[in-house]
C-alpha atoms as a PDB file:
ATOM      1  CA  MET A   1     -27.347   1.200  -0.708  1.00  0.00           C
ATOM      2  CA  LYS A   2     -24.655  -0.509   1.340  1.00  0.00           C
ATOM      3  CA  ASN A   3     -25.369  -1.490   4.902  1.00  0.00           C
ATOM      4  CA  LYS A   4     -23.535   0.732   7.351  1.00  0.00           C
ATOM      5  CA  ILE A   5     -20.408  -0.751   8.941  1.00  0.00           C
ATOM      6  CA  ARG A   6     -21.326  -1.614  12.523  1.00  0.00           C
ATOM      7  CA  PHE A   7     -18.462  -0.597  14.843  1.00  0.00           C
ATOM      8  CA  GLY A   8     -17.549  -1.358  18.418  1.00  0.00           C
ATOM      9  CA  VAL A   9     -14.753   0.406  20.307  1.00  0.00           C
ATOM     10  CA  ILE A  10     -12.841  -1.046  23.246  1.00  0.00           C
ATOM     11  CA  GLY A  11     -11.849   1.841  25.510  1.00  0.00           C
ATOM     12  CA  CYS A  12     -13.390   5.222  26.295  1.00  0.00           C
ATOM     13  CA  SER A  13     -10.190   7.223  26.825  1.00  0.00           C
ATOM     14  CA  GLY A  14      -9.632  10.527  25.076  1.00  0.00           C
ATOM     15  CA  MET A  15      -7.938   8.687  22.223  1.00  0.00           C
ATOM     16  CA  ALA A  16     -10.817   6.221  21.992  1.00  0.00           C
ATOM     17  CA  LEU A  17     -13.305   9.106  21.790  1.00  0.00           C
ATOM     18  CA  ARG A  18     -11.342  10.484  18.826  1.00  0.00           C
ATOM     19  CA  HIS A  19     -11.825   7.128  17.114  1.00  0.00           C
ATOM     20  CA  MET A  20     -15.545   7.191  17.882  1.00  0.00           C
ATOM     21  CA  GLU A  21     -15.715  10.627  16.285  1.00  0.00           C
ATOM     22  CA  GLY A  22     -14.008   9.159  13.220  1.00  0.00           C
ATOM     23  CA  VAL A  23     -16.737   6.510  12.978  1.00  0.00           C
ATOM     24  CA  LYS A  24     -19.402   9.189  13.389  1.00  0.00           C
ATOM     25  CA  GLN A  25     -17.948  11.305  10.592  1.00  0.00           C
ATOM     26  CA  TYR A  26     -17.811   8.445   8.081  1.00  0.00           C
ATOM     27  CA  GLU A  27     -21.124   8.382   6.226  1.00  0.00           C
ATOM     28  CA  ASN A  28     -21.359   4.615   5.854  1.00  0.00           C
ATOM     29  CA  ALA A  29     -20.405   3.667   9.425  1.00  0.00           C
ATOM     30  CA  THR A  30     -22.211   3.638  12.736  1.00  0.00           C
ATOM     31  CA  LEU A  31     -21.073   3.232  16.345  1.00  0.00           C
ATOM     32  CA  VAL A  32     -23.036   0.353  17.844  1.00  0.00           C
ATOM     33  CA  ALA A  33     -21.222  -0.214  21.132  1.00  0.00           C
ATOM     34  CA  TYR A  34     -18.322   0.825  23.321  1.00  0.00           C
ATOM     35  CA  CYS A  35     -16.636  -0.712  26.343  1.00  0.00           C
ATOM     36  CA  ASP A  36     -14.653   0.439  29.367  1.00  0.00           C
ATOM     37  CA  LEU A  37     -14.157  -0.648  32.975  1.00  0.00           C
ATOM     38  CA  ASP A  38     -14.593   2.855  34.393  1.00  0.00           C
ATOM     39  CA  ASP A  39     -18.120   4.150  35.052  1.00  0.00           C
ATOM     40  CA  GLY A  40     -17.102   7.766  34.567  1.00  0.00           C
ATOM     41  CA  ARG A  41     -15.641   7.129  31.152  1.00  0.00           C
ATOM     42  CA  LEU A  42     -18.663   5.096  30.119  1.00  0.00           C
ATOM     43  CA  ALA A  43     -20.953   7.931  31.195  1.00  0.00           C
ATOM     44  CA  ALA A  44     -18.907  10.488  29.248  1.00  0.00           C
ATOM     45  CA  ALA A  45     -19.063   8.354  26.112  1.00  0.00           C
ATOM     46  CA  GLY A  46     -22.793   7.843  26.634  1.00  0.00           C
ATOM     47  CA  GLU A  47     -23.408  11.594  26.614  1.00  0.00           C
ATOM     48  CA  LEU A  48     -21.654  11.877  23.258  1.00  0.00           C
ATOM     49  CA  TYR A  49     -23.086   8.710  21.696  1.00  0.00           C
ATOM     50  CA  PRO A  50     -26.458   7.992  23.347  1.00  0.00           C
ATOM     51  CA  ASP A  51     -27.557   5.605  20.609  1.00  0.00           C
ATOM     52  CA  ALA A  52     -24.634   3.225  21.185  1.00  0.00           C
ATOM     53  CA  LYS A  53     -24.708   0.520  23.848  1.00  0.00           C
ATOM     54  CA  ALA A  54     -22.306   0.587  26.813  1.00  0.00           C
ATOM     55  CA  PHE A  55     -20.450  -2.472  28.103  1.00  0.00           C
ATOM     56  CA  LYS A  56     -17.975  -3.241  30.843  1.00  0.00           C
ATOM     57  CA  ASP A  57     -17.087  -6.684  29.464  1.00  0.00           C
ATOM     58  CA  TYR A  58     -15.680  -6.535  25.952  1.00  0.00           C
ATOM     59  CA  LYS A  59     -16.499 -10.217  25.377  1.00  0.00           C
ATOM     60  CA  GLU A  60     -20.175  -9.377  25.830  1.00  0.00           C
ATOM     61  CA  MET A  61     -19.821  -6.454  23.442  1.00  0.00           C
ATOM     62  CA  LEU A  62     -18.406  -8.759  20.766  1.00  0.00           C
ATOM     63  CA  LYS A  63     -21.761 -10.576  20.733  1.00  0.00           C
ATOM     64  CA  GLU A  64     -23.542  -7.476  19.368  1.00  0.00           C
ATOM     65  CA  GLY A  65     -23.197  -8.452  15.706  1.00  0.00           C
ATOM     66  CA  LEU A  66     -20.343  -6.053  15.008  1.00  0.00           C
ATOM     67  CA  ASP A  67     -18.713  -5.789  11.593  1.00  0.00           C
ATOM     68  CA  ALA A  68     -15.594  -4.052  12.872  1.00  0.00           C
ATOM     69  CA  LEU A  69     -13.753  -3.443  16.130  1.00  0.00           C
ATOM     70  CA  ILE A  70     -11.390  -0.651  17.164  1.00  0.00           C
ATOM     71  CA  VAL A  71      -9.030  -1.644  19.976  1.00  0.00           C
ATOM     72  CA  VAL A  72      -7.879   1.303  22.101  1.00  0.00           C
ATOM     73  CA  SER A  73      -6.965  -0.661  25.218  1.00  0.00           C
ATOM     74  CA  PRO A  74      -3.740  -0.953  27.242  1.00  0.00           C
ATOM     75  CA  ASP A  75      -1.029  -2.463  25.041  1.00  0.00           C
ATOM     76  CA  GLN A  76      -0.819  -5.632  27.111  1.00  0.00           C
ATOM     77  CA  LEU A  77      -4.349  -6.606  26.050  1.00  0.00           C
ATOM     78  CA  HIS A  78      -4.009  -6.200  22.291  1.00  0.00           C
ATOM     79  CA  ARG A  79      -3.186  -9.807  21.486  1.00  0.00           C
ATOM     80  CA  GLU A  80      -6.145 -11.295  23.335  1.00  0.00           C
ATOM     81  CA  MET A  81      -8.669  -8.801  21.972  1.00  0.00           C
ATOM     82  CA  CYS A  82      -7.444  -8.671  18.375  1.00  0.00           C
ATOM     83  CA  VAL A  83      -7.138 -12.413  17.938  1.00  0.00           C
ATOM     84  CA  GLU A  84     -10.582 -13.022  19.425  1.00  0.00           C
ATOM     85  CA  ALA A  85     -12.222 -10.443  17.180  1.00  0.00           C
ATOM     86  CA  LEU A  86     -10.492 -11.771  14.066  1.00  0.00           C
ATOM     87  CA  ASN A  87     -11.543 -15.316  14.927  1.00  0.00           C
ATOM     88  CA  LEU A  88     -15.136 -14.073  15.261  1.00  0.00           C
ATOM     89  CA  GLY A  89     -15.001 -12.631  11.744  1.00  0.00           C
ATOM     90  CA  MET A  90     -14.583  -8.917  12.443  1.00  0.00           C
ATOM     91  CA  HIS A  91     -12.432  -6.307  10.763  1.00  0.00           C
ATOM     92  CA  VAL A  92      -9.987  -4.894  13.327  1.00  0.00           C
ATOM     93  CA  LEU A  93      -8.180  -1.590  13.775  1.00  0.00           C
ATOM     94  CA  CYS A  94      -5.667  -1.888  16.637  1.00  0.00           C
ATOM     95  CA  GLU A  95      -3.980   1.171  18.091  1.00  0.00           C
ATOM     96  CA  LYS A  96      -0.212   1.257  18.299  1.00  0.00           C
ATOM     97  CA  PRO A  97       1.876  -0.565  19.316  1.00  0.00           C
ATOM     98  CA  LEU A  98       0.604  -3.779  17.779  1.00  0.00           C
ATOM     99  CA  ALA A  99       1.889  -5.580  20.879  1.00  0.00           C
ATOM    100  CA  LEU A 100       4.658  -5.384  23.472  1.00  0.00           C
ATOM    101  CA  THR A 101       6.546  -8.536  22.494  1.00  0.00           C
ATOM    102  CA  GLU A 102       7.541 -10.190  19.231  1.00  0.00           C
ATOM    103  CA  GLU A 103       5.603 -13.278  20.279  1.00  0.00           C
ATOM    104  CA  ASP A 104       2.341 -11.387  20.781  1.00  0.00           C
ATOM    105  CA  ALA A 105       2.828  -9.336  17.615  1.00  0.00           C
ATOM    106  CA  LYS A 106       3.425 -12.499  15.598  1.00  0.00           C
ATOM    107  CA  ALA A 107       0.319 -14.142  17.076  1.00  0.00           C
ATOM    108  CA  ILE A 108      -1.795 -11.183  15.925  1.00  0.00           C
ATOM    109  CA  MET A 109      -0.117 -11.213  12.514  1.00  0.00           C
ATOM    110  CA  ASP A 110      -0.802 -14.945  12.121  1.00  0.00           C
ATOM    111  CA  ALA A 111      -4.458 -14.444  13.063  1.00  0.00           C
ATOM    112  CA  ALA A 112      -4.758 -11.561  10.592  1.00  0.00           C
ATOM    113  CA  ASN A 113      -3.171 -13.627   7.825  1.00  0.00           C
ATOM    114  CA  ALA A 114      -5.552 -16.508   8.526  1.00  0.00           C
ATOM    115  CA  SER A 115      -8.593 -14.216   8.355  1.00  0.00           C
ATOM    116  CA  ASP A 116     -10.355 -12.840   5.285  1.00  0.00           C
ATOM    117  CA  LYS A 117     -11.120  -9.630   7.207  1.00  0.00           C
ATOM    118  CA  LYS A 118      -9.185  -6.361   7.159  1.00  0.00           C
ATOM    119  CA  PHE A 119      -6.629  -5.737   9.887  1.00  0.00           C
ATOM    120  CA  MET A 120      -4.908  -2.385  10.339  1.00  0.00           C
ATOM    121  CA  VAL A 121      -2.463  -0.983  12.901  1.00  0.00           C
ATOM    122  CA  GLY A 122      -3.134   2.567  14.071  1.00  0.00           C
ATOM    123  CA  GLN A 123       0.312   4.145  13.706  1.00  0.00           C
ATOM    124  CA  ILE A 124      -0.994   7.665  14.187  1.00  0.00           C
ATOM    125  CA  CYS A 125       2.130   9.499  12.974  1.00  0.00           C
ATOM    126  CA  ARG A 126       1.251   8.349   9.459  1.00  0.00           C
ATOM    127  CA  TYR A 127      -1.752  10.690   9.657  1.00  0.00           C
ATOM    128  CA  THR A 128      -0.051  13.700  11.268  1.00  0.00           C
ATOM    129  CA  PRO A 129      -0.169  16.469   8.605  1.00  0.00           C
ATOM    130  CA  SER A 130       3.449  17.582   9.097  1.00  0.00           C
ATOM    131  CA  PHE A 131       4.786  14.046   8.712  1.00  0.00           C
ATOM    132  CA  VAL A 132       2.514  13.337   5.744  1.00  0.00           C
ATOM    133  CA  LYS A 133       3.947  16.436   4.049  1.00  0.00           C
ATOM    134  CA  ALA A 134       7.514  15.420   4.921  1.00  0.00           C
ATOM    135  CA  LYS A 135       6.964  12.024   3.301  1.00  0.00           C
ATOM    136  CA  GLU A 136       5.478  13.683   0.206  1.00  0.00           C
ATOM    137  CA  LEU A 137       8.594  15.846  -0.153  1.00  0.00           C
ATOM    138  CA  VAL A 138      10.929  12.892   0.349  1.00  0.00           C
ATOM    139  CA  ASP A 139       9.028  10.641  -2.071  1.00  0.00           C
ATOM    140  CA  ALA A 140       9.007  13.409  -4.674  1.00  0.00           C
ATOM    141  CA  GLY A 141      12.813  13.589  -4.498  1.00  0.00           C
ATOM    142  CA  ARG A 142      12.816  17.176  -3.243  1.00  0.00           C
ATOM    143  CA  ILE A 143      15.746  16.526  -0.879  1.00  0.00           C
ATOM    144  CA  GLY A 144      17.495  14.012  -3.123  1.00  0.00           C
ATOM    145  CA  GLU A 145      18.504  10.627  -1.791  1.00  0.00           C
ATOM    146  CA  LEU A 146      18.005  10.079   1.922  1.00  0.00           C
ATOM    147  CA  THR A 147      21.249   9.812   3.902  1.00  0.00           C
ATOM    148  CA  PHE A 148      20.353  10.206   7.599  1.00  0.00           C
ATOM    149  CA  VAL A 149      17.077  10.352   9.533  1.00  0.00           C
ATOM    150  CA  GLU A 150      16.317  11.006  13.170  1.00  0.00           C
ATOM    151  CA  SER A 151      13.293  11.284  15.418  1.00  0.00           C
ATOM    152  CA  GLU A 152      12.579  11.622  19.111  1.00  0.00           C
ATOM    153  CA  TYR A 153       9.769  10.613  21.397  1.00  0.00           C
ATOM    154  CA  ALA A 154      10.051  12.981  24.352  1.00  0.00           C
ATOM    155  CA  HIS A 155       7.226  12.579  26.834  1.00  0.00           C
ATOM    156  CA  ASP A 156       7.076  12.948  30.606  1.00  0.00           C
ATOM    157  CA  TYR A 157       5.066  10.101  32.169  1.00  0.00           C
ATOM    158  CA  GLY A 158       5.486  11.582  35.654  1.00  0.00           C
ATOM    159  CA  HIS A 159       2.023  13.154  35.788  1.00  0.00           C
ATOM    160  CA  ILE A 160       0.177  10.139  34.402  1.00  0.00           C
ATOM    161  CA  TYR A 161       1.753   6.826  35.327  1.00  0.00           C
ATOM    162  CA  GLU A 162       0.438   6.925  38.909  1.00  0.00           C
ATOM    163  CA  ASP A 163      -3.088   7.783  37.750  1.00  0.00           C
ATOM    164  CA  PRO A 164      -5.044   4.498  37.934  1.00  0.00           C
ATOM    165  CA  LEU A 165      -7.241   5.555  35.015  1.00  0.00           C
ATOM    166  CA  ARG A 166      -4.459   6.776  32.766  1.00  0.00           C
ATOM    167  CA  GLY A 167      -1.147   5.286  33.663  1.00  0.00           C
ATOM    168  CA  ASN A 168      -0.796   2.309  35.969  1.00  0.00           C
ATOM    169  CA  TRP A 169      -0.501   0.032  32.936  1.00  0.00           C
ATOM    170  CA  ARG A 170       2.514   2.085  31.852  1.00  0.00           C
ATOM    171  CA  LYS A 171       4.419   0.729  34.862  1.00  0.00           C
ATOM    172  CA  ASP A 172       4.104  -2.866  33.673  1.00  0.00           C
ATOM    173  CA  PRO A 173       7.691  -4.206  33.221  1.00  0.00           C
ATOM    174  CA  LEU A 174       6.588  -5.614  29.879  1.00  0.00           C
ATOM    175  CA  ARG A 175       5.783  -2.124  28.592  1.00  0.00           C
ATOM    176  CA  ASN A 176       9.180  -0.537  28.089  1.00  0.00           C
ATOM    177  CA  GLY A 177       8.835   3.081  27.002  1.00  0.00           C
ATOM    178  CA  VAL A 178      10.644   2.337  23.750  1.00  0.00           C
ATOM    179  CA  VAL A 179       8.033  -0.205  22.691  1.00  0.00           C
ATOM    180  CA  GLY A 180       4.949   1.492  24.101  1.00  0.00           C
ATOM    181  CA  GLY A 181       5.724   5.111  23.198  1.00  0.00           C
ATOM    182  CA  GLY A 182       8.938   5.158  21.186  1.00  0.00           C
ATOM    183  CA  CYS A 183       7.194   3.070  18.549  1.00  0.00           C
ATOM    184  CA  HIS A 184       5.786   6.401  17.287  1.00  0.00           C
ATOM    185  CA  ALA A 185       9.239   7.690  16.333  1.00  0.00           C
ATOM    186  CA  ILE A 186      10.468   4.289  15.164  1.00  0.00           C
ATOM    187  CA  ASP A 187       7.481   3.689  12.909  1.00  0.00           C
ATOM    188  CA  LEU A 188       7.748   7.202  11.484  1.00  0.00           C
ATOM    189  CA  LEU A 189      11.353   6.589  10.464  1.00  0.00           C
ATOM    190  CA  ARG A 190      10.470   3.175   9.028  1.00  0.00           C
ATOM    191  CA  TRP A 191       7.577   4.689   7.060  1.00  0.00           C
ATOM    192  CA  ILE A 192       9.824   7.268   5.417  1.00  0.00           C
ATOM    193  CA  ALA A 193      13.225   5.538   5.264  1.00  0.00           C
ATOM    194  CA  GLY A 194      12.347   1.826   4.998  1.00  0.00           C
ATOM    195  CA  ASP A 195      13.079  -1.297   7.007  1.00  0.00           C
ATOM    196  CA  VAL A 196      15.739  -1.423   9.714  1.00  0.00           C
ATOM    197  CA  ILE A 197      18.333  -4.205   9.580  1.00  0.00           C
ATOM    198  CA  GLU A 198      20.490  -3.442  12.644  1.00  0.00           C
ATOM    199  CA  VAL A 199      20.241  -1.371  15.840  1.00  0.00           C
ATOM    200  CA  CYS A 200      22.574  -0.394  18.664  1.00  0.00           C
ATOM    201  CA  GLY A 201      21.035   1.073  21.800  1.00  0.00           C
ATOM    202  CA  ILE A 202      22.127   2.514  25.146  1.00  0.00           C
ATOM    203  CA  SER A 203      19.992   3.652  28.065  1.00  0.00           C
ATOM    204  CA  ASN A 204      19.899   5.000  31.613  1.00  0.00           C
ATOM    205  CA  LYS A 205      17.431   5.722  34.414  1.00  0.00           C
ATOM    206  CA  LYS A 206      18.003   9.120  36.033  1.00  0.00           C
ATOM    207  CA  TYR A 207      14.471  10.468  36.383  1.00  0.00           C
ATOM    208  CA  TYR A 208      12.152   7.798  37.778  1.00  0.00           C
ATOM    209  CA  PRO A 209      14.031   5.049  39.642  1.00  0.00           C
ATOM    210  CA  GLU A 210      10.710   3.500  40.632  1.00  0.00           C
ATOM    211  CA  LEU A 211       9.951   2.567  37.014  1.00  0.00           C
ATOM    212  CA  PRO A 212      10.703  -1.086  36.204  1.00  0.00           C
ATOM    213  CA  TYR A 213      12.548  -0.091  33.002  1.00  0.00           C
ATOM    214  CA  ASP A 214      15.097   2.528  31.945  1.00  0.00           C
ATOM    215  CA  ASP A 215      13.421   5.861  31.281  1.00  0.00           C
ATOM    216  CA  THR A 216      15.765   7.146  28.553  1.00  0.00           C
ATOM    217  CA  HIS A 217      17.127   5.392  25.446  1.00  0.00           C
ATOM    218  CA  VAL A 218      19.180   6.396  22.414  1.00  0.00           C
ATOM    219  CA  ALA A 219      19.718   4.111  19.443  1.00  0.00           C
ATOM    220  CA  VAL A 220      21.481   4.262  16.108  1.00  0.00           C
ATOM    221  CA  MET A 221      19.918   2.336  13.267  1.00  0.00           C
ATOM    222  CA  LYS A 222      20.992   0.913   9.940  1.00  0.00           C
ATOM    223  CA  PHE A 223      18.379   0.671   7.194  1.00  0.00           C
ATOM    224  CA  GLU A 224      18.404  -1.893   4.411  1.00  0.00           C
ATOM    225  CA  ASN A 225      18.824   0.823   1.764  1.00  0.00           C
ATOM    226  CA  GLY A 226      22.022   2.156   3.351  1.00  0.00           C
ATOM    227  CA  VAL A 227      20.376   5.066   5.203  1.00  0.00           C
ATOM    228  CA  ILE A 228      21.509   5.516   8.807  1.00  0.00           C
ATOM    229  CA  GLY A 229      19.381   6.874  11.611  1.00  0.00           C
ATOM    230  CA  LYS A 230      18.993   7.774  15.246  1.00  0.00           C
ATOM    231  CA  VAL A 231      16.064   7.617  17.620  1.00  0.00           C
ATOM    232  CA  PHE A 232      15.806   9.186  21.083  1.00  0.00           C
ATOM    233  CA  VAL A 233      13.142   7.959  23.492  1.00  0.00           C
ATOM    234  CA  SER A 234      12.480   9.310  26.960  1.00  0.00           C
ATOM    235  CA  VAL A 235       9.366   8.984  29.094  1.00  0.00           C
ATOM    236  CA  ALA A 236      10.700  11.447  31.650  1.00  0.00           C
ATOM    237  CA  VAL A 237      12.184  14.555  30.020  1.00  0.00           C
ATOM    238  CA  LYS A 238      11.246  17.915  31.514  1.00  0.00           C
ATOM    239  CA  ARG A 239       9.824  19.683  28.483  1.00  0.00           C
ATOM    240  CA  ASN A 240       6.732  19.720  26.318  1.00  0.00           C
ATOM    241  CA  GLY A 241       6.094  16.480  24.510  1.00  0.00           C
ATOM    242  CA  THR A 242       7.505  16.300  21.010  1.00  0.00           C
ATOM    243  CA  LEU A 243       8.199  14.077  18.042  1.00  0.00           C
ATOM    244  CA  ARG A 244      10.769  16.379  16.476  1.00  0.00           C
ATOM    245  CA  SER A 245      12.182  14.703  13.371  1.00  0.00           C
ATOM    246  CA  VAL A 246      14.814  15.549  10.756  1.00  0.00           C
ATOM    247  CA  PHE A 247      15.306  14.016   7.319  1.00  0.00           C
ATOM    248  CA  TYR A 248      18.617  14.665   5.556  1.00  0.00           C
ATOM    249  CA  GLY A 249      19.084  14.109   1.838  1.00  0.00           C
ATOM    250  CA  THR A 250      21.776  14.722  -0.759  1.00  0.00           C
ATOM    251  CA  LYS A 251      19.951  17.859  -1.965  1.00  0.00           C
ATOM    252  CA  GLY A 252      18.177  19.146   1.124  1.00  0.00           C
ATOM    253  CA  THR A 253      16.849  18.726   4.642  1.00  0.00           C
ATOM    254  CA  ILE A 254      13.418  18.655   6.296  1.00  0.00           C
ATOM    255  CA  ILE A 255      12.960  19.663   9.949  1.00  0.00           C
ATOM    256  CA  THR A 256       9.531  19.027  11.433  1.00  0.00           C
ATOM    257  CA  ASP A 257       7.559  17.933  14.474  1.00  0.00           C
ATOM    258  CA  ASN A 258       3.989  17.121  15.453  1.00  0.00           C
ATOM    259  CA  SER A 259       3.007  20.449  17.018  1.00  0.00           C
ATOM    260  CA  SER A 260       4.348  23.247  14.801  1.00  0.00           C
ATOM    261  CA  GLU A 261       2.379  25.074  12.126  1.00  0.00           C
ATOM    262  CA  SER A 262       5.143  24.770   9.547  1.00  0.00           C
ATOM    263  CA  ILE A 263       7.970  22.589   8.252  1.00  0.00           C
ATOM    264  CA  THR A 264      11.449  23.994   7.681  1.00  0.00           C
ATOM    265  CA  PHE A 265      12.458  22.840   4.207  1.00  0.00           C
ATOM    266  CA  PHE A 266      15.981  23.296   2.826  1.00  0.00           C
ATOM    267  CA  TYR A 267      16.472  22.415  -0.840  1.00  0.00           C
ATOM    268  CA  THR A 268      18.925  22.927  -3.673  1.00  0.00           C
ATOM    269  CA  ASP A 269      17.498  24.946  -6.571  1.00  0.00           C
ATOM    270  CA  ASP A 270      18.176  24.473 -10.288  1.00  0.00           C
ATOM    271  CA  GLU A 271      21.272  26.679 -10.031  1.00  0.00           C
ATOM    272  CA  GLY A 272      22.697  24.620  -7.177  1.00  0.00           C
ATOM    273  CA  LYS A 273      21.988  27.229  -4.519  1.00  0.00           C
ATOM    274  CA  LEU A 274      20.593  26.263  -1.125  1.00  0.00           C
ATOM    275  CA  GLN A 275      17.161  27.710  -0.452  1.00  0.00           C
ATOM    276  CA  THR A 276      14.994  27.706   2.666  1.00  0.00           C
ATOM    277  CA  GLU A 277      11.230  27.562   2.751  1.00  0.00           C
ATOM    278  CA  SER A 278       8.691  27.459   5.558  1.00  0.00           C
ATOM    279  CA  VAL A 279       5.900  25.097   4.500  1.00  0.00           C
ATOM    280  CA  PRO A 280       2.607  25.628   6.388  1.00  0.00           C
ATOM    281  CA  VAL A 281       0.829  22.549   7.762  1.00  0.00           C
ATOM    282  CA  ASP A 282      -2.177  21.851   9.948  1.00  0.00           C
ATOM    283  CA  VAL A 283      -1.515  20.838  13.551  1.00  0.00           C
ATOM    284  CA  ASN A 284      -3.182  17.528  14.382  1.00  0.00           C
ATOM    285  CA  SER A 285      -0.873  15.184  16.249  1.00  0.00           C
ATOM    286  CA  HIS A 286      -3.597  12.662  17.139  1.00  0.00           C
ATOM    287  CA  ASN A 287      -5.452  12.544  13.846  1.00  0.00           C
ATOM    288  CA  ALA A 288      -7.563   9.504  14.656  1.00  0.00           C
ATOM    289  CA  VAL A 289     -10.417  10.778  12.488  1.00  0.00           C
ATOM    290  CA  ALA A 290      -8.257  10.443   9.362  1.00  0.00           C
ATOM    291  CA  GLU A 291      -7.006   7.059  10.547  1.00  0.00           C
ATOM    292  CA  VAL A 292     -10.556   5.751  11.022  1.00  0.00           C
ATOM    293  CA  ALA A 293     -11.659   7.259   7.707  1.00  0.00           C
ATOM    294  CA  GLU A 294      -8.970   5.275   5.909  1.00  0.00           C
ATOM    295  CA  PHE A 295      -9.946   2.078   7.729  1.00  0.00           C
ATOM    296  CA  CYS A 296     -13.621   2.569   6.854  1.00  0.00           C
ATOM    297  CA  ASP A 297     -12.746   3.269   3.215  1.00  0.00           C
ATOM    298  CA  ILE A 298     -10.661   0.075   3.110  1.00  0.00           C
ATOM    299  CA  ILE A 299     -13.597  -1.976   4.396  1.00  0.00           C
ATOM    300  CA  ASP A 300     -16.228  -0.142   2.369  1.00  0.00           C
ATOM    301  CA  ASN A 301     -14.406  -0.337  -0.954  1.00  0.00           C
ATOM    302  CA  GLU A 302     -12.373  -3.537  -0.558  1.00  0.00           C
ATOM    303  CA  LYS A 303      -9.033  -1.726  -0.643  1.00  0.00           C
ATOM    304  CA  GLU A 304      -5.672  -3.053   0.470  1.00  0.00           C
ATOM    305  CA  VAL A 305      -4.441  -2.188   3.948  1.00  0.00           C
ATOM    306  CA  LEU A 306      -1.175  -0.232   3.955  1.00  0.00           C
ATOM    307  CA  THR A 307      -0.375  -0.342   7.673  1.00  0.00           C
ATOM    308  CA  THR A 308      -0.690  -4.102   7.942  1.00  0.00           C
ATOM    309  CA  ALA A 309      -0.015  -6.429  10.848  1.00  0.00           C
ATOM    310  CA  LEU A 310       3.370  -7.088   9.248  1.00  0.00           C
ATOM    311  CA  GLU A 311       4.143  -3.355   9.373  1.00  0.00           C
ATOM    312  CA  GLY A 312       3.152  -3.312  13.033  1.00  0.00           C
ATOM    313  CA  TYR A 313       5.255  -6.394  13.707  1.00  0.00           C
ATOM    314  CA  LYS A 314       8.357  -4.834  12.109  1.00  0.00           C
ATOM    315  CA  THR A 315       8.011  -1.709  14.246  1.00  0.00           C
ATOM    316  CA  VAL A 316       7.608  -3.798  17.408  1.00  0.00           C
ATOM    317  CA  LYS A 317      10.600  -5.952  16.482  1.00  0.00           C
ATOM    318  CA  THR A 318      12.751  -2.861  15.917  1.00  0.00           C
ATOM    319  CA  ALA A 319      11.732  -1.391  19.287  1.00  0.00           C
ATOM    320  CA  VAL A 320      12.270  -4.662  21.136  1.00  0.00           C
ATOM    321  CA  SER A 321      15.710  -5.009  19.506  1.00  0.00           C
ATOM    322  CA  ILE A 322      16.708  -1.529  20.706  1.00  0.00           C
ATOM    323  CA  VAL A 323      15.817  -2.483  24.276  1.00  0.00           C
ATOM    324  CA  LYS A 324      17.656  -5.774  23.907  1.00  0.00           C
ATOM    325  CA  SER A 325      20.780  -4.004  22.660  1.00  0.00           C
ATOM    326  CA  ALA A 326      20.653  -1.469  25.508  1.00  0.00           C
ATOM    327  CA  ASP A 327      20.202  -4.229  28.074  1.00  0.00           C
ATOM    328  CA  MET A 328      23.370  -5.834  26.710  1.00  0.00           C
ATOM    329  CA  GLY A 329      25.320  -2.575  27.051  1.00  0.00           C
ATOM    330  CA  GLY A 330      25.099  -1.471  23.445  1.00  0.00           C
ATOM    331  CA  VAL A 331      25.821  -4.719  21.631  1.00  0.00           C
ATOM    332  CA  PRO A 332      24.453  -4.416  18.063  1.00  0.00           C
ATOM    333  CA  VAL A 333      21.366  -6.490  17.281  1.00  0.00           C
ATOM    334  CA  LYS A 334      20.533  -7.578  13.754  1.00  0.00           C
ATOM    335  CA  LEU A 335      16.881  -7.789  12.782  1.00  0.00           C
END
């Protein structure tokens, strides 16, 4: 019998607890330790996982003989934590975004490449049932050849960015909303349509003037396979949060999001007539359990990582380039 994979988790937020649950549900894994600076969060995690050890200093936690680490910390800390864990010989799953700058993302990628351990980026949209189904339909050719794709990250930070436990780190000038949150929509489009070769972005700040970055961005994108795209990112819109996405092809269209129980699927039948179908899907927009299950399976069975550090780096570079273009007044930026 294999030894169970000994996991540590940095962070005890709601998202981190979902990752802990993923470890718990995987038969050949065990949660050994968790870490957070807040006593209340540590206590809450302790009630759920009494057999795991609590830490306030993640460096001390890394001395517990861990096989693998899950990093669910503020984005600014990813480089330091990931590189240290890799250098200590641990497998690492890092939540999105990989980092906030190209420099930090490349440093993590270099450390991952130099290690013989598994490194995976937690781009959660790749585990959202509606988006998984959309990719299946696209890959199966059900809408023909892709022509245009679009996605939006609409999220109001107003109720969270002043909360010291949930949001102060979101006000860091380094963490532009496009990189920190918009990476969801950007990575989703990259996952389905391929790599981006050029972007052109514009932005404004009408909602929260106190933020150190523009709160709303729009960008058009050119993909290497000739597909064109659009991404909308706002951390201030007055509506429910959404990742509404549309995929247009020569024979059909898919309209979906992360919170609806069905996908709207237009397709051309064998007689050339346009048909419409509502495809039912589960609703699970933060499917960390599936994400952790894949990571455990990769470690357990020596499989290749699909969402590699390079994938994370490309998504960060695309997001950073959108911000750069917007800061220059819409000047196109080649990747």
